[in-house]
Amino acid sequence: MDAQTRLRHSPDATVQEVAGEAILIHLQTGVYYSLNDVGTAFWNLLDGALSIEACAQSLAAEYNAPADVVLADLLELAADLHKEGLVAR
């Protein structure tokens, strides 16, 4: 997975937002995951059209954060979400 990877929500994942944070539930395993506000904003951008890099640029501007730091964090989060079956390429 790299900065040009485009991800979309897995059909095995459902989401519920509570107080601005996403609670993801894997429908097959019943395991749930929580995302902070930045993670939730990233999740909401995952439509299969935007690359991880494009998401990072958008979030860096929104949160006034260094784009390279945001990209590194999103690549790590994307890998975790993919490993857990919550997103697909």
PDB file of N, CA and C in Angstrom:
ATOM      1  N   MET A   1       0.849  -1.174   0.000  1.00  0.00           N
ATOM      2  CA  MET A   1       0.000   0.000   0.000  1.00  0.00           C
ATOM      3  C   MET A   1       0.892   1.233   0.000  1.00  0.00           C
ATOM      4  N   ASP A   2       0.549   2.192  -0.862  1.00  0.00           N
ATOM      5  CA  ASP A   2       1.350   3.418  -0.925  1.00  0.00           C
ATOM      6  C   ASP A   2       0.426   4.623  -1.025  1.00  0.00           C
ATOM      7  N   ALA A   3       1.013   5.786  -1.203  1.00  0.00           N
ATOM      8  CA  ALA A   3       0.254   7.038  -1.196  1.00  0.00           C
ATOM      9  C   ALA A   3      -0.767   7.122  -2.324  1.00  0.00           C
ATOM     10  N   GLN A   4      -0.563   6.367  -3.403  1.00  0.00           N
ATOM     11  CA  GLN A   4      -1.491   6.414  -4.537  1.00  0.00           C
ATOM     12  C   GLN A   4      -2.621   5.395  -4.432  1.00  0.00           C
ATOM     13  N   THR A   5      -2.601   4.570  -3.402  1.00  0.00           N
ATOM     14  CA  THR A   5      -3.647   3.566  -3.202  1.00  0.00           C
ATOM     15  C   THR A   5      -4.988   4.255  -2.980  1.00  0.00           C
ATOM     16  N   ARG A   6      -6.011   3.698  -3.593  1.00  0.00           N
ATOM     17  CA  ARG A   6      -7.378   4.203  -3.429  1.00  0.00           C
ATOM     18  C   ARG A   6      -8.176   3.128  -2.701  1.00  0.00           C
ATOM     19  N   LEU A   7      -8.786   3.522  -1.603  1.00  0.00           N
ATOM     20  CA  LEU A   7      -9.531   2.578  -0.778  1.00  0.00           C
ATOM     21  C   LEU A   7     -11.001   2.951  -0.720  1.00  0.00           C
ATOM     22  N   ARG A   8     -11.821   1.932  -0.474  1.00  0.00           N
ATOM     23  CA  ARG A   8     -13.251   2.140  -0.265  1.00  0.00           C
ATOM     24  C   ARG A   8     -13.679   1.289   0.932  1.00  0.00           C
ATOM     25  N   HIS A   9     -14.818   1.604   1.462  1.00  0.00           N
ATOM     26  CA  HIS A   9     -15.331   0.847   2.604  1.00  0.00           C
ATOM     27  C   HIS A   9     -15.619  -0.591   2.180  1.00  0.00           C
ATOM     28  N   SER A  10     -15.302  -1.518   3.045  1.00  0.00           N
ATOM     29  CA  SER A  10     -15.615  -2.920   2.797  1.00  0.00           C
ATOM     30  C   SER A  10     -17.112  -3.144   3.007  1.00  0.00           C
ATOM     31  N   PRO A  11     -17.721  -4.031   2.221  1.00  0.00           N
ATOM     32  CA  PRO A  11     -19.127  -4.356   2.481  1.00  0.00           C
ATOM     33  C   PRO A  11     -19.309  -5.076   3.824  1.00  0.00           C
ATOM     34  N   ASP A  12     -18.216  -5.551   4.413  1.00  0.00           N
ATOM     35  CA  ASP A  12     -18.274  -6.210   5.718  1.00  0.00           C
ATOM     36  C   ASP A  12     -18.181  -5.229   6.876  1.00  0.00           C
ATOM     37  N   ALA A  13     -18.130  -3.930   6.572  1.00  0.00           N
ATOM     38  CA  ALA A  13     -17.993  -2.920   7.628  1.00  0.00           C
ATOM     39  C   ALA A  13     -19.233  -2.047   7.694  1.00  0.00           C
ATOM     40  N   THR A  14     -19.596  -1.703   8.893  1.00  0.00           N
ATOM     41  CA  THR A  14     -20.645  -0.716   9.117  1.00  0.00           C
ATOM     42  C   THR A  14     -20.094   0.312  10.085  1.00  0.00           C
ATOM     43  N   VAL A  15     -20.675   1.488  10.071  1.00  0.00           N
ATOM     44  CA  VAL A  15     -20.151   2.572  10.899  1.00  0.00           C
ATOM     45  C   VAL A  15     -21.290   3.286  11.609  1.00  0.00           C
ATOM     46  N   GLN A  16     -20.989   3.732  12.797  1.00  0.00           N
ATOM     47  CA  GLN A  16     -21.898   4.577  13.567  1.00  0.00           C
ATOM     48  C   GLN A  16     -21.065   5.715  14.130  1.00  0.00           C
ATOM     49  N   GLU A  17     -21.487   6.939  13.918  1.00  0.00           N
ATOM     50  CA  GLU A  17     -20.755   8.076  14.476  1.00  0.00           C
ATOM     51  C   GLU A  17     -21.374   8.476  15.800  1.00  0.00           C
ATOM     52  N   VAL A  18     -20.504   8.614  16.793  1.00  0.00           N
ATOM     53  CA  VAL A  18     -20.920   9.011  18.129  1.00  0.00           C
ATOM     54  C   VAL A  18     -20.008  10.138  18.579  1.00  0.00           C
ATOM     55  N   ALA A  19     -20.587  11.289  18.848  1.00  0.00           N
ATOM     56  CA  ALA A  19     -19.830  12.462  19.315  1.00  0.00           C
ATOM     57  C   ALA A  19     -18.666  12.787  18.383  1.00  0.00           C
ATOM     58  N   GLY A  20     -18.904  12.701  17.070  1.00  0.00           N
ATOM     59  CA  GLY A  20     -17.886  13.061  16.095  1.00  0.00           C
ATOM     60  C   GLY A  20     -16.818  12.017  15.851  1.00  0.00           C
ATOM     61  N   GLU A  21     -16.952  10.863  16.484  1.00  0.00           N
ATOM     62  CA  GLU A  21     -15.984   9.787  16.273  1.00  0.00           C
ATOM     63  C   GLU A  21     -16.706   8.565  15.722  1.00  0.00           C
ATOM     64  N   ALA A  22     -16.011   7.852  14.831  1.00  0.00           N
ATOM     65  CA  ALA A  22     -16.618   6.695  14.180  1.00  0.00           C
ATOM     66  C   ALA A  22     -16.359   5.424  14.975  1.00  0.00           C
ATOM     67  N   ILE A  23     -17.389   4.623  15.087  1.00  0.00           N
ATOM     68  CA  ILE A  23     -17.283   3.274  15.627  1.00  0.00           C
ATOM     69  C   ILE A  23     -17.524   2.349  14.438  1.00  0.00           C
ATOM     70  N   LEU A  24     -16.489   1.606  14.049  1.00  0.00           N
ATOM     71  CA  LEU A  24     -16.579   0.673  12.927  1.00  0.00           C
ATOM     72  C   LEU A  24     -16.843  -0.719  13.469  1.00  0.00           C
ATOM     73  N   ILE A  25     -17.741  -1.429  12.835  1.00  0.00           N
ATOM     74  CA  ILE A  25     -18.035  -2.801  13.247  1.00  0.00           C
ATOM     75  C   ILE A  25     -17.854  -3.706  12.040  1.00  0.00           C
ATOM     76  N   HIS A  26     -17.029  -4.732  12.224  1.00  0.00           N
ATOM     77  CA  HIS A  26     -16.860  -5.742  11.174  1.00  0.00           C
ATOM     78  C   HIS A  26     -18.020  -6.706  11.305  1.00  0.00           C
ATOM     79  N   LEU A  27     -18.867  -6.756  10.295  1.00  0.00           N
ATOM     80  CA  LEU A  27     -20.109  -7.519  10.363  1.00  0.00           C
ATOM     81  C   LEU A  27     -19.894  -9.024  10.474  1.00  0.00           C
ATOM     82  N   GLN A  28     -18.783  -9.534   9.982  1.00  0.00           N
ATOM     83  CA  GLN A  28     -18.537 -10.979  10.033  1.00  0.00           C
ATOM     84  C   GLN A  28     -17.969 -11.424  11.376  1.00  0.00           C
ATOM     85  N   THR A  29     -17.129 -10.578  11.992  1.00  0.00           N
ATOM     86  CA  THR A  29     -16.473 -10.970  13.244  1.00  0.00           C
ATOM     87  C   THR A  29     -17.129 -10.357  14.467  1.00  0.00           C
ATOM     88  N   GLY A  30     -17.870  -9.262  14.289  1.00  0.00           N
ATOM     89  CA  GLY A  30     -18.475  -8.572  15.416  1.00  0.00           C
ATOM     90  C   GLY A  30     -17.500  -7.687  16.179  1.00  0.00           C
ATOM     91  N   VAL A  31     -16.260  -7.654  15.737  1.00  0.00           N
ATOM     92  CA  VAL A  31     -15.256  -6.827  16.399  1.00  0.00           C
ATOM     93  C   VAL A  31     -15.490  -5.373  16.008  1.00  0.00           C
ATOM     94  N   TYR A  32     -15.317  -4.487  16.982  1.00  0.00           N
ATOM     95  CA  TYR A  32     -15.510  -3.076  16.666  1.00  0.00           C
ATOM     96  C   TYR A  32     -14.231  -2.293  16.902  1.00  0.00           C
ATOM     97  N   TYR A  33     -14.130  -1.183  16.219  1.00  0.00           N
ATOM     98  CA  TYR A  33     -12.952  -0.331  16.231  1.00  0.00           C
ATOM     99  C   TYR A  33     -13.432   1.105  16.355  1.00  0.00           C
ATOM    100  N   SER A  34     -12.678   1.927  17.048  1.00  0.00           N
ATOM    101  CA  SER A  34     -13.054   3.337  17.147  1.00  0.00           C
ATOM    102  C   SER A  34     -11.989   4.199  16.495  1.00  0.00           C
ATOM    103  N   LEU A  35     -12.440   5.271  15.874  1.00  0.00           N
ATOM    104  CA  LEU A  35     -11.551   6.218  15.212  1.00  0.00           C
ATOM    105  C   LEU A  35     -11.723   7.592  15.851  1.00  0.00           C
ATOM    106  N   ASN A  36     -10.618   8.306  16.026  1.00  0.00           N
ATOM    107  CA  ASN A  36     -10.711   9.677  16.526  1.00  0.00           C
ATOM    108  C   ASN A  36     -11.249  10.579  15.427  1.00  0.00           C
ATOM    109  N   ASP A  37     -11.287  11.884  15.667  1.00  0.00           N
ATOM    110  CA  ASP A  37     -11.907  12.784  14.693  1.00  0.00           C
ATOM    111  C   ASP A  37     -11.173  12.806  13.358  1.00  0.00           C
ATOM    112  N   VAL A  38      -9.841  12.746  13.373  1.00  0.00           N
ATOM    113  CA  VAL A  38      -9.090  12.725  12.116  1.00  0.00           C
ATOM    114  C   VAL A  38      -9.317  11.392  11.394  1.00  0.00           C
ATOM    115  N   GLY A  39      -9.283  10.301  12.137  1.00  0.00           N
ATOM    116  CA  GLY A  39      -9.555   8.997  11.545  1.00  0.00           C
ATOM    117  C   GLY A  39     -10.951   8.924  10.945  1.00  0.00           C
ATOM    118  N   THR A  40     -11.909   9.544  11.627  1.00  0.00           N
ATOM    119  CA  THR A  40     -13.281   9.585  11.133  1.00  0.00           C
ATOM    120  C   THR A  40     -13.372  10.401   9.841  1.00  0.00           C
ATOM    121  N   ALA A  41     -12.677  11.536   9.815  1.00  0.00           N
ATOM    122  CA  ALA A  41     -12.653  12.358   8.593  1.00  0.00           C
ATOM    123  C   ALA A  41     -12.036  11.569   7.438  1.00  0.00           C
ATOM    124  N   PHE A  42     -10.965  10.799   7.721  1.00  0.00           N
ATOM    125  CA  PHE A  42     -10.339   9.960   6.702  1.00  0.00           C
ATOM    126  C   PHE A  42     -11.335   8.904   6.219  1.00  0.00           C
ATOM    127  N   TRP A  43     -11.986   8.233   7.147  1.00  0.00           N
ATOM    128  CA  TRP A  43     -12.976   7.209   6.803  1.00  0.00           C
ATOM    129  C   TRP A  43     -14.035   7.778   5.857  1.00  0.00           C
ATOM    130  N   ASN A  44     -14.489   8.986   6.154  1.00  0.00           N
ATOM    131  CA  ASN A  44     -15.534   9.605   5.348  1.00  0.00           C
ATOM    132  C   ASN A  44     -15.064   9.954   3.930  1.00  0.00           C
ATOM    133  N   LEU A  45     -13.754  10.037   3.719  1.00  0.00           N
ATOM    134  CA  LEU A  45     -13.205  10.327   2.394  1.00  0.00           C
ATOM    135  C   LEU A  45     -12.969   9.063   1.555  1.00  0.00           C
ATOM    136  N   LEU A  46     -13.039   7.904   2.177  1.00  0.00           N
ATOM    137  CA  LEU A  46     -12.706   6.653   1.490  1.00  0.00           C
ATOM    138  C   LEU A  46     -13.863   6.189   0.609  1.00  0.00           C
ATOM    139  N   ASP A  47     -13.856   6.680  -0.629  1.00  0.00           N
ATOM    140  CA  ASP A  47     -14.920   6.353  -1.569  1.00  0.00           C
ATOM    141  C   ASP A  47     -14.408   5.593  -2.794  1.00  0.00           C
ATOM    142  N   GLY A  48     -13.115   5.245  -2.775  1.00  0.00           N
ATOM    143  CA  GLY A  48     -12.526   4.539  -3.903  1.00  0.00           C
ATOM    144  C   GLY A  48     -12.010   5.458  -4.987  1.00  0.00           C
ATOM    145  N   ALA A  49     -12.320   6.751  -4.902  1.00  0.00           N
ATOM    146  CA  ALA A  49     -11.895   7.708  -5.928  1.00  0.00           C
ATOM    147  C   ALA A  49     -10.631   8.465  -5.524  1.00  0.00           C
ATOM    148  N   LEU A  50     -10.517   8.794  -4.257  1.00  0.00           N
ATOM    149  CA  LEU A  50      -9.374   9.578  -3.786  1.00  0.00           C
ATOM    150  C   LEU A  50      -8.229   8.666  -3.341  1.00  0.00           C
ATOM    151  N   SER A  51      -7.011   9.072  -3.662  1.00  0.00           N
ATOM    152  CA  SER A  51      -5.842   8.346  -3.172  1.00  0.00           C
ATOM    153  C   SER A  51      -5.624   8.715  -1.703  1.00  0.00           C
ATOM    154  N   ILE A  52      -4.843   7.906  -1.015  1.00  0.00           N
ATOM    155  CA  ILE A  52      -4.503   8.221   0.373  1.00  0.00           C
ATOM    156  C   ILE A  52      -3.783   9.563   0.430  1.00  0.00           C
ATOM    157  N   GLU A  53      -2.941   9.842  -0.555  1.00  0.00           N
ATOM    158  CA  GLU A  53      -2.230  11.116  -0.599  1.00  0.00           C
ATOM    159  C   GLU A  53      -3.199  12.294  -0.726  1.00  0.00           C
ATOM    160  N   ALA A  54      -4.211  12.164  -1.571  1.00  0.00           N
ATOM    161  CA  ALA A  54      -5.216  13.224  -1.726  1.00  0.00           C
ATOM    162  C   ALA A  54      -5.977  13.434  -0.422  1.00  0.00           C
ATOM    163  N   CYS A  55      -6.299  12.342   0.249  1.00  0.00           N
ATOM    164  CA  CYS A  55      -6.964  12.444   1.555  1.00  0.00           C
ATOM    165  C   CYS A  55      -6.061  13.168   2.545  1.00  0.00           C
ATOM    166  N   ALA A  56      -4.781  12.835   2.542  1.00  0.00           N
ATOM    167  CA  ALA A  56      -3.826  13.463   3.462  1.00  0.00           C
ATOM    168  C   ALA A  56      -3.726  14.958   3.204  1.00  0.00           C
ATOM    169  N   GLN A  57      -3.681  15.342   1.942  1.00  0.00           N
ATOM    170  CA  GLN A  57      -3.599  16.773   1.612  1.00  0.00           C
ATOM    171  C   GLN A  57      -4.842  17.505   2.097  1.00  0.00           C
ATOM    172  N   SER A  58      -5.997  16.918   1.897  1.00  0.00           N
ATOM    173  CA  SER A  58      -7.245  17.531   2.343  1.00  0.00           C
ATOM    174  C   SER A  58      -7.281  17.680   3.856  1.00  0.00           C
ATOM    175  N   LEU A  59      -6.908  16.610   4.566  1.00  0.00           N
ATOM    176  CA  LEU A  59      -6.953  16.653   6.025  1.00  0.00           C
ATOM    177  C   LEU A  59      -5.868  17.549   6.601  1.00  0.00           C
ATOM    178  N   ALA A  60      -4.707  17.595   5.963  1.00  0.00           N
ATOM    179  CA  ALA A  60      -3.638  18.482   6.431  1.00  0.00           C
ATOM    180  C   ALA A  60      -4.104  19.934   6.366  1.00  0.00           C
ATOM    181  N   ALA A  61      -4.798  20.283   5.290  1.00  0.00           N
ATOM    182  CA  ALA A  61      -5.314  21.646   5.156  1.00  0.00           C
ATOM    183  C   ALA A  61      -6.407  21.914   6.191  1.00  0.00           C
ATOM    184  N   GLU A  62      -7.286  20.936   6.373  1.00  0.00           N
ATOM    185  CA  GLU A  62      -8.399  21.107   7.318  1.00  0.00           C
ATOM    186  C   GLU A  62      -7.912  21.254   8.757  1.00  0.00           C
ATOM    187  N   TYR A  63      -6.889  20.477   9.128  1.00  0.00           N
ATOM    188  CA  TYR A  63      -6.400  20.478  10.510  1.00  0.00           C
ATOM    189  C   TYR A  63      -5.134  21.316  10.691  1.00  0.00           C
ATOM    190  N   ASN A  64      -4.721  22.024   9.631  1.00  0.00           N
ATOM    191  CA  ASN A  64      -3.520  22.862   9.686  1.00  0.00           C
ATOM    192  C   ASN A  64      -2.321  22.072  10.225  1.00  0.00           C
ATOM    193  N   ALA A  65      -2.065  20.934   9.605  1.00  0.00           N
ATOM    194  CA  ALA A  65      -0.997  20.027  10.030  1.00  0.00           C
ATOM    195  C   ALA A  65      -0.062  19.763   8.857  1.00  0.00           C
ATOM    196  N   PRO A  66       1.186  19.374   9.142  1.00  0.00           N
ATOM    197  CA  PRO A  66       2.133  19.064   8.059  1.00  0.00           C
ATOM    198  C   PRO A  66       1.649  17.871   7.227  1.00  0.00           C
ATOM    199  N   ALA A  67       1.584  18.059   5.910  1.00  0.00           N
ATOM    200  CA  ALA A  67       1.060  17.019   5.017  1.00  0.00           C
ATOM    201  C   ALA A  67       1.848  15.722   5.098  1.00  0.00           C
ATOM    202  N   ASP A  68       3.178  15.802   5.277  1.00  0.00           N
ATOM    203  CA  ASP A  68       3.976  14.572   5.329  1.00  0.00           C
ATOM    204  C   ASP A  68       3.670  13.761   6.584  1.00  0.00           C
ATOM    205  N   VAL A  69       3.387  14.442   7.692  1.00  0.00           N
ATOM    206  CA  VAL A  69       3.041  13.750   8.937  1.00  0.00           C
ATOM    207  C   VAL A  69       1.662  13.108   8.808  1.00  0.00           C
ATOM    208  N   VAL A  70       0.721  13.856   8.239  1.00  0.00           N
ATOM    209  CA  VAL A  70      -0.630  13.324   8.044  1.00  0.00           C
ATOM    210  C   VAL A  70      -0.585  12.121   7.110  1.00  0.00           C
ATOM    211  N   LEU A  71       0.183  12.203   6.032  1.00  0.00           N
ATOM    212  CA  LEU A  71       0.286  11.089   5.098  1.00  0.00           C
ATOM    213  C   LEU A  71       0.843   9.850   5.787  1.00  0.00           C
ATOM    214  N   ALA A  72       1.892  10.004   6.559  1.00  0.00           N
ATOM    215  CA  ALA A  72       2.486   8.860   7.272  1.00  0.00           C
ATOM    216  C   ALA A  72       1.463   8.225   8.207  1.00  0.00           C
ATOM    217  N   ASP A  73       0.714   9.056   8.937  1.00  0.00           N
ATOM    218  CA  ASP A  73      -0.302   8.534   9.853  1.00  0.00           C
ATOM    219  C   ASP A  73      -1.422   7.820   9.097  1.00  0.00           C
ATOM    220  N   LEU A  74      -1.857   8.398   7.978  1.00  0.00           N
ATOM    221  CA  LEU A  74      -2.937   7.779   7.210  1.00  0.00           C
ATOM    222  C   LEU A  74      -2.505   6.473   6.559  1.00  0.00           C
ATOM    223  N   LEU A  75      -1.266   6.405   6.120  1.00  0.00           N
ATOM    224  CA  LEU A  75      -0.769   5.143   5.551  1.00  0.00           C
ATOM    225  C   LEU A  75      -0.789   4.040   6.602  1.00  0.00           C
ATOM    226  N   GLU A  76      -0.417   4.388   7.814  1.00  0.00           N
ATOM    227  CA  GLU A  76      -0.439   3.403   8.908  1.00  0.00           C
ATOM    228  C   GLU A  76      -1.873   2.988   9.227  1.00  0.00           C
ATOM    229  N   LEU A  77      -2.770   3.970   9.334  1.00  0.00           N
ATOM    230  CA  LEU A  77      -4.171   3.667   9.619  1.00  0.00           C
ATOM    231  C   LEU A  77      -4.786   2.855   8.481  1.00  0.00           C
ATOM    232  N   ALA A  78      -4.500   3.221   7.242  1.00  0.00           N
ATOM    233  CA  ALA A  78      -5.037   2.499   6.091  1.00  0.00           C
ATOM    234  C   ALA A  78      -4.588   1.039   6.108  1.00  0.00           C
ATOM    235  N   ALA A  79      -3.333   0.810   6.438  1.00  0.00           N
ATOM    236  CA  ALA A  79      -2.825  -0.567   6.510  1.00  0.00           C
ATOM    237  C   ALA A  79      -3.567  -1.356   7.585  1.00  0.00           C
ATOM    238  N   ASP A  80      -3.801  -0.723   8.732  1.00  0.00           N
ATOM    239  CA  ASP A  80      -4.526  -1.392   9.816  1.00  0.00           C
ATOM    240  C   ASP A  80      -5.966  -1.703   9.409  1.00  0.00           C
ATOM    241  N   LEU A  81      -6.641  -0.731   8.800  1.00  0.00           N
ATOM    242  CA  LEU A  81      -8.022  -0.942   8.368  1.00  0.00           C
ATOM    243  C   LEU A  81      -8.109  -2.043   7.309  1.00  0.00           C
ATOM    244  N   HIS A  82      -7.123  -2.078   6.413  1.00  0.00           N
ATOM    245  CA  HIS A  82      -7.101  -3.111   5.374  1.00  0.00           C
ATOM    246  C   HIS A  82      -6.861  -4.487   5.995  1.00  0.00           C
ATOM    247  N   LYS A  83      -5.918  -4.555   6.920  1.00  0.00           N
ATOM    248  CA  LYS A  83      -5.603  -5.827   7.581  1.00  0.00           C
ATOM    249  C   LYS A  83      -6.826  -6.375   8.323  1.00  0.00           C
ATOM    250  N   GLU A  84      -7.636  -5.490   8.882  1.00  0.00           N
ATOM    251  CA  GLU A  84      -8.828  -5.907   9.631  1.00  0.00           C
ATOM    252  C   GLU A  84     -10.033  -6.143   8.730  1.00  0.00           C
ATOM    253  N   GLY A  85      -9.886  -5.923   7.426  1.00  0.00           N
ATOM    254  CA  GLY A  85     -10.974  -6.198   6.493  1.00  0.00           C
ATOM    255  C   GLY A  85     -12.048  -5.128   6.461  1.00  0.00           C
ATOM    256  N   LEU A  86     -11.716  -3.918   6.916  1.00  0.00           N
ATOM    257  CA  LEU A  86     -12.696  -2.835   6.960  1.00  0.00           C
ATOM    258  C   LEU A  86     -12.689  -1.972   5.707  1.00  0.00           C
ATOM    259  N   VAL A  87     -11.599  -2.045   4.932  1.00  0.00           N
ATOM    260  CA  VAL A  87     -11.514  -1.330   3.663  1.00  0.00           C
ATOM    261  C   VAL A  87     -10.981  -2.279   2.601  1.00  0.00           C
ATOM    262  N   ALA A  88     -11.266  -1.934   1.359  1.00  0.00           N
ATOM    263  CA  ALA A  88     -10.796  -2.722   0.217  1.00  0.00           C
ATOM    264  C   ALA A  88     -10.216  -1.773  -0.820  1.00  0.00           C
ATOM    265  N   ARG A  89      -9.332  -2.305  -1.653  1.00  0.00           N
ATOM    266  CA  ARG A  89      -8.726  -1.506  -2.721  1.00  0.00           C
ATOM    267  C   ARG A  89      -9.678  -1.386  -3.885  1.00  0.00           C
TER     268      ARG A  89
END
